[in-house]
N, C-alpha and C. Protein backbone atom coordinates (compact mmCIF):
# COMPACT_ATOMS: atom_id res chain seq x y z
N UNK A 1 -24.71 0.14 1.22
CA UNK A 1 -23.87 0.73 -0.28
C UNK A 1 -23.48 -0.12 -1.39
N UNK A 2 -23.59 0.18 -2.96
CA UNK A 2 -22.53 0.00 -3.66
C UNK A 2 -21.79 0.42 -4.08
N UNK A 3 -20.67 -0.16 -4.67
CA UNK A 3 -18.54 0.40 -5.08
C UNK A 3 -19.41 1.05 -6.59
N UNK A 4 -19.64 1.81 -7.32
CA UNK A 4 -19.64 2.45 -7.83
C UNK A 4 -18.76 3.84 -8.53
N UNK A 5 -19.04 3.69 -9.97
CA UNK A 5 -18.68 4.89 -10.59
C UNK A 5 -18.92 4.94 -12.37
N UNK A 6 -18.79 6.25 -11.77
CA UNK A 6 -19.66 7.13 -13.26
C UNK A 6 -18.69 6.43 -14.68
N UNK A 7 -17.38 6.73 -14.13
CA UNK A 7 -16.27 6.54 -15.22
C UNK A 7 -15.36 5.95 -14.75
N UNK A 8 -14.53 4.80 -15.46
CA UNK A 8 -14.85 4.19 -15.06
C UNK A 8 -13.04 4.44 -15.85
N UNK A 9 -11.53 4.37 -15.94
CA UNK A 9 -10.97 3.63 -16.85
C UNK A 9 -10.10 2.72 -16.77
N UNK A 10 -10.71 2.01 -17.61
CA UNK A 10 -9.71 0.14 -17.78
C UNK A 10 -9.10 0.12 -18.28
N UNK A 11 -7.54 -0.13 -17.70
CA UNK A 11 -6.48 -0.42 -18.81
C UNK A 11 -7.10 -2.20 -19.76
N UNK A 12 -6.38 -1.50 -20.36
CA UNK A 12 -6.20 -3.10 -21.90
C UNK A 12 -5.70 -4.18 -21.51
N UNK A 13 -5.30 -5.06 -20.55
CA UNK A 13 -5.21 -5.67 -19.79
C UNK A 13 -6.45 -6.28 -19.11
N UNK A 14 -7.56 -5.65 -18.90
CA UNK A 14 -8.97 -5.57 -17.81
C UNK A 14 -10.46 -6.02 -18.35
N UNK A 15 -10.90 -7.37 -17.90
CA UNK A 15 -11.52 -6.93 -18.75
C UNK A 15 -12.91 -7.09 -17.58
N UNK A 16 -14.23 -6.27 -17.58
CA UNK A 16 -15.26 -5.90 -16.62
C UNK A 16 -15.99 -7.44 -16.84
N UNK A 17 -16.78 -8.01 -16.05
CA UNK A 17 -17.77 -9.04 -16.00
C UNK A 17 -18.81 -8.01 -15.31
N UNK A 18 -19.78 -7.08 -15.26
CA UNK A 18 -20.80 -6.87 -14.96
C UNK A 18 -22.05 -8.12 -14.14
N UNK A 19 -21.99 -8.09 -12.68
CA UNK A 19 -22.47 -9.52 -12.18
C UNK A 19 -23.73 -7.67 -11.20
N UNK A 20 -24.83 -8.80 -10.53
CA UNK A 20 -25.71 -7.98 -9.80
C UNK A 20 -24.73 -7.60 -8.50
N UNK A 21 -25.51 -7.12 -7.67
CA UNK A 21 -24.64 -6.25 -6.34
C UNK A 21 -24.58 -7.66 -5.87
N UNK A 22 -25.81 -8.30 -5.88
CA UNK A 22 -24.64 -9.52 -4.41
C UNK A 22 -25.55 -10.84 -4.72
N UNK A 23 -24.21 -11.49 -5.65
CA UNK A 23 -25.14 -12.85 -6.04
C UNK A 23 -23.26 -13.67 -6.16
N UNK A 24 -23.35 -14.65 -5.03
CA UNK A 24 -22.08 -15.42 -4.64
C UNK A 24 -22.19 -16.77 -5.41
N UNK A 25 -23.26 -16.53 -5.85
CA UNK A 25 -23.40 -18.15 -6.98
C UNK A 25 -23.04 -17.72 -8.40
N UNK A 26 -22.96 -16.49 -8.20
CA UNK A 26 -21.91 -16.47 -10.19
C UNK A 26 -20.59 -15.73 -9.29
N UNK A 27 -20.42 -15.89 -8.74
CA UNK A 27 -18.84 -15.15 -8.28
C UNK A 27 -17.76 -15.73 -8.44
N UNK A 28 -17.28 -16.04 -9.25
CA UNK A 28 -15.70 -17.44 -9.19
C UNK A 28 -15.27 -17.22 -7.96
N UNK A 29 -14.41 -16.52 -7.69
CA UNK A 29 -13.89 -16.25 -6.39
C UNK A 29 -14.41 -17.41 -4.30
N UNK A 30 -15.37 -17.00 -4.69
CA UNK A 30 -16.71 -17.57 -3.78
C UNK A 30 -16.69 -18.91 -3.54
N UNK A 31 -16.70 -19.35 -4.84
CA UNK A 31 -16.35 -20.89 -4.72
C UNK A 31 -14.72 -21.43 -5.01
N UNK A 32 -13.35 -20.04 -5.19
CA UNK A 32 -12.89 -20.58 -5.47
C UNK A 32 -12.38 -20.86 -3.28
N UNK A 33 -12.89 -19.85 -2.70
CA UNK A 33 -12.53 -19.70 -0.95
C UNK A 33 -12.87 -20.45 -0.48
N UNK A 34 -14.21 -21.13 -0.71
CA UNK A 34 -15.15 -22.67 -0.03
C UNK A 34 -13.82 -23.91 -0.23
N UNK A 35 -13.24 -23.78 -1.48
CA UNK A 35 -13.05 -25.42 -2.08
C UNK A 35 -11.20 -24.45 -0.42
N UNK A 36 -11.29 -23.71 -0.66
CA UNK A 36 -9.80 -23.44 -0.44
C UNK A 36 -9.56 -23.47 1.36
N UNK A 37 -10.77 -23.38 2.25
CA UNK A 37 -10.86 -22.92 3.42
C UNK A 37 -11.31 -24.20 4.02
N UNK A 38 -11.77 -25.00 3.14
CA UNK A 38 -11.98 -26.81 3.56
C UNK A 38 -11.29 -27.38 4.17
N UNK A 39 -9.46 -27.18 4.04
CA UNK A 39 -9.39 -27.68 4.77
C UNK A 39 -9.10 -26.99 6.23
N UNK A 40 -9.27 -25.63 6.44
CA UNK A 40 -8.65 -24.85 6.64
C UNK A 40 -10.24 -24.96 8.47
N UNK A 41 -11.34 -25.12 8.25
CA UNK A 41 -11.54 -24.51 8.67
C UNK A 41 -12.10 -26.10 10.33
N UNK A 42 -12.31 -25.48 10.52
CA UNK A 42 -11.70 -26.26 12.85
C UNK A 42 -10.89 -26.60 12.74
N UNK A 43 -10.22 -26.21 12.64
CA UNK A 43 -8.15 -26.91 13.20
C UNK A 43 -8.50 -25.36 13.51
N UNK A 44 -8.15 -25.66 14.76
CA UNK A 44 -7.20 -24.54 16.17
C UNK A 44 -5.34 -24.56 15.70
N UNK A 45 -5.05 -23.79 14.46
CA UNK A 45 -3.57 -23.82 14.94
C UNK A 45 -2.77 -22.65 15.36
N UNK A 46 -2.27 -23.18 15.65
CA UNK A 46 -0.78 -23.23 17.32
C UNK A 46 -1.06 -21.20 17.13
N UNK A 47 -0.72 -21.42 15.92
CA UNK A 47 0.28 -19.50 15.45
C UNK A 47 -0.43 -19.09 14.40
N UNK A 48 -0.41 -17.27 14.03
CA UNK A 48 -1.04 -17.37 12.73
C UNK A 48 0.02 -17.27 11.79
N UNK A 49 1.77 -17.68 12.02
CA UNK A 49 2.56 -18.09 11.70
C UNK A 49 2.03 -19.59 10.68
N UNK A 50 1.45 -20.18 11.83
CA UNK A 50 1.43 -21.58 10.67
C UNK A 50 -0.10 -22.20 10.71
N UNK A 51 -0.92 -21.11 10.70
CA UNK A 51 -2.07 -20.93 9.32
C UNK A 51 -1.47 -20.41 7.95
N UNK A 52 -0.79 -20.04 8.35
CA UNK A 52 -0.45 -19.06 7.06
C UNK A 52 0.41 -20.58 5.78
N UNK A 53 1.64 -20.93 6.50
CA UNK A 53 2.52 -22.03 6.22
C UNK A 53 1.31 -23.06 5.51
N UNK A 54 0.27 -24.08 6.40
CA UNK A 54 -1.04 -24.25 5.50
C UNK A 54 -1.67 -23.72 4.05
N UNK A 55 -2.23 -22.60 4.64
CA UNK A 55 -3.19 -21.44 3.81
C UNK A 55 -1.73 -21.79 2.10
N UNK A 56 -0.65 -21.88 2.11
CA UNK A 56 0.94 -21.74 1.75
C UNK A 56 0.49 -22.71 1.43
N UNK A 57 0.75 -23.84 1.64
CA UNK A 57 0.51 -25.40 1.20
C UNK A 57 -0.34 -25.36 0.00
N UNK A 58 -1.40 -25.02 0.20
CA UNK A 58 -2.91 -25.85 -0.04
C UNK A 58 -2.36 -24.89 -0.95
N UNK A 59 -3.06 -23.55 -1.76
CA UNK A 59 -2.01 -22.74 -2.57
C UNK A 59 -1.16 -23.10 -3.91
N UNK A 60 -0.28 -23.59 -3.27
CA UNK A 60 0.69 -24.28 -4.44
C UNK A 60 0.43 -25.08 -4.30
N UNK A 61 -0.19 -27.02 -3.32
CA UNK A 61 -0.70 -27.52 -4.80
C UNK A 61 -1.81 -27.66 -5.27
N UNK A 62 -2.73 -26.41 -5.28
CA UNK A 62 -3.69 -26.33 -6.97
C UNK A 62 -2.86 -26.29 -7.47
N UNK A 63 -3.49 -27.27 -8.94
CA UNK A 63 -2.85 -28.08 -10.71
C UNK A 63 -4.10 -26.36 -11.33
N UNK A 64 -3.72 -26.51 -12.62
CA UNK A 64 -4.62 -25.75 -13.08
C UNK A 64 -6.13 -26.22 -13.23
N UNK A 65 -5.69 -27.74 -13.36
CA UNK A 65 -7.44 -27.90 -13.56
C UNK A 65 -8.33 -27.52 -12.28
N UNK A 66 -7.90 -27.64 -11.18
CA UNK A 66 -8.28 -27.92 -10.21
C UNK A 66 -8.91 -26.02 -9.87
N UNK A 67 -7.78 -25.47 -10.39
CA UNK A 67 -8.57 -23.87 -10.29
C UNK A 67 -9.63 -23.35 -11.57
N UNK A 68 -9.66 -24.31 -12.65
CA UNK A 68 -10.22 -24.08 -13.31
C UNK A 68 -11.33 -25.11 -13.39
N UNK A 69 -11.53 -25.97 -12.17
CA UNK A 69 -12.45 -26.47 -12.41
C UNK A 69 -13.64 -25.39 -11.20
N UNK A 70 -13.43 -24.97 -10.54
CA UNK A 70 -13.50 -23.49 -9.78
C UNK A 70 -14.06 -22.66 -10.22
N UNK A 71 -13.79 -22.74 -10.84
CA UNK A 71 -13.58 -20.84 -11.57
C UNK A 71 -14.02 -21.23 -13.67
N UNK A 72 -14.17 -21.99 -14.29
CA UNK A 72 -13.90 -22.11 -14.93
C UNK A 72 -15.14 -22.03 -16.09
N UNK A 73 -16.21 -21.63 -15.59
CA UNK A 73 -17.53 -21.18 -15.27
C UNK A 73 -17.82 -21.33 -16.87
N UNK A 74 -18.84 -21.63 -17.53
CA UNK A 74 -19.72 -21.10 -18.82
C UNK A 74 -19.08 -19.63 -19.37
N UNK A 75 -19.91 -19.60 -18.22
CA UNK A 75 -20.75 -17.33 -18.71
C UNK A 75 -18.95 -17.17 -18.98
N UNK A 76 -18.12 -16.60 -18.17
CA UNK A 76 -17.01 -17.22 -17.91
C UNK A 76 -16.07 -16.92 -18.95
N UNK A 77 -15.40 -18.51 -19.60
CA UNK A 77 -15.02 -18.79 -20.23
C UNK A 77 -15.74 -17.76 -21.93
N UNK A 78 -16.71 -18.16 -22.53
CA UNK A 78 -17.24 -17.78 -23.31
C UNK A 78 -16.99 -15.74 -23.02
N UNK A 79 -17.33 -15.14 -22.38
CA UNK A 79 -16.65 -13.48 -21.86
C UNK A 79 -15.46 -13.47 -22.28
N UNK A 80 -14.51 -14.96 -22.11
CA UNK A 80 -12.87 -14.50 -22.19
C UNK A 80 -12.93 -14.50 -24.30
N UNK A 81 -13.95 -15.47 -24.93
CA UNK A 81 -13.29 -16.49 -25.63
C UNK A 81 -14.43 -14.75 -26.76
N UNK A 82 -14.82 -14.47 -26.55
CA UNK A 82 -15.80 -13.14 -27.09
C UNK A 82 -14.89 -12.14 -27.03
N UNK A 83 -13.25 -11.72 -25.59
CA UNK A 83 -12.88 -10.83 -25.96
C UNK A 83 -11.74 -10.81 -26.99
N UNK A 84 -11.56 -11.66 -27.19
CA UNK A 84 -10.49 -12.60 -27.77
C UNK A 84 -9.05 -12.47 -27.21
N UNK A 85 -9.73 -13.00 -25.56
CA UNK A 85 -7.94 -13.51 -25.31
C UNK A 85 -8.31 -15.24 -25.88
């Protein structure tokens, strides 16, 4: 079942992007997670804390350029420009 509502109150600082119900190829977070998990896959961590530490290190090392290349697709940027942001 999809999560839908007929009435949604959208705050002024939120922009809704409507997408097909299941379409990971247009969902920017899917590509971001794929990139983030590359360094975590096939690794046996000694503890949950060591996994968290590695995840934190990877997140903190991300540059604006990397995040932009993973999530700054033309249709997203165009929508942001049209919204006035």
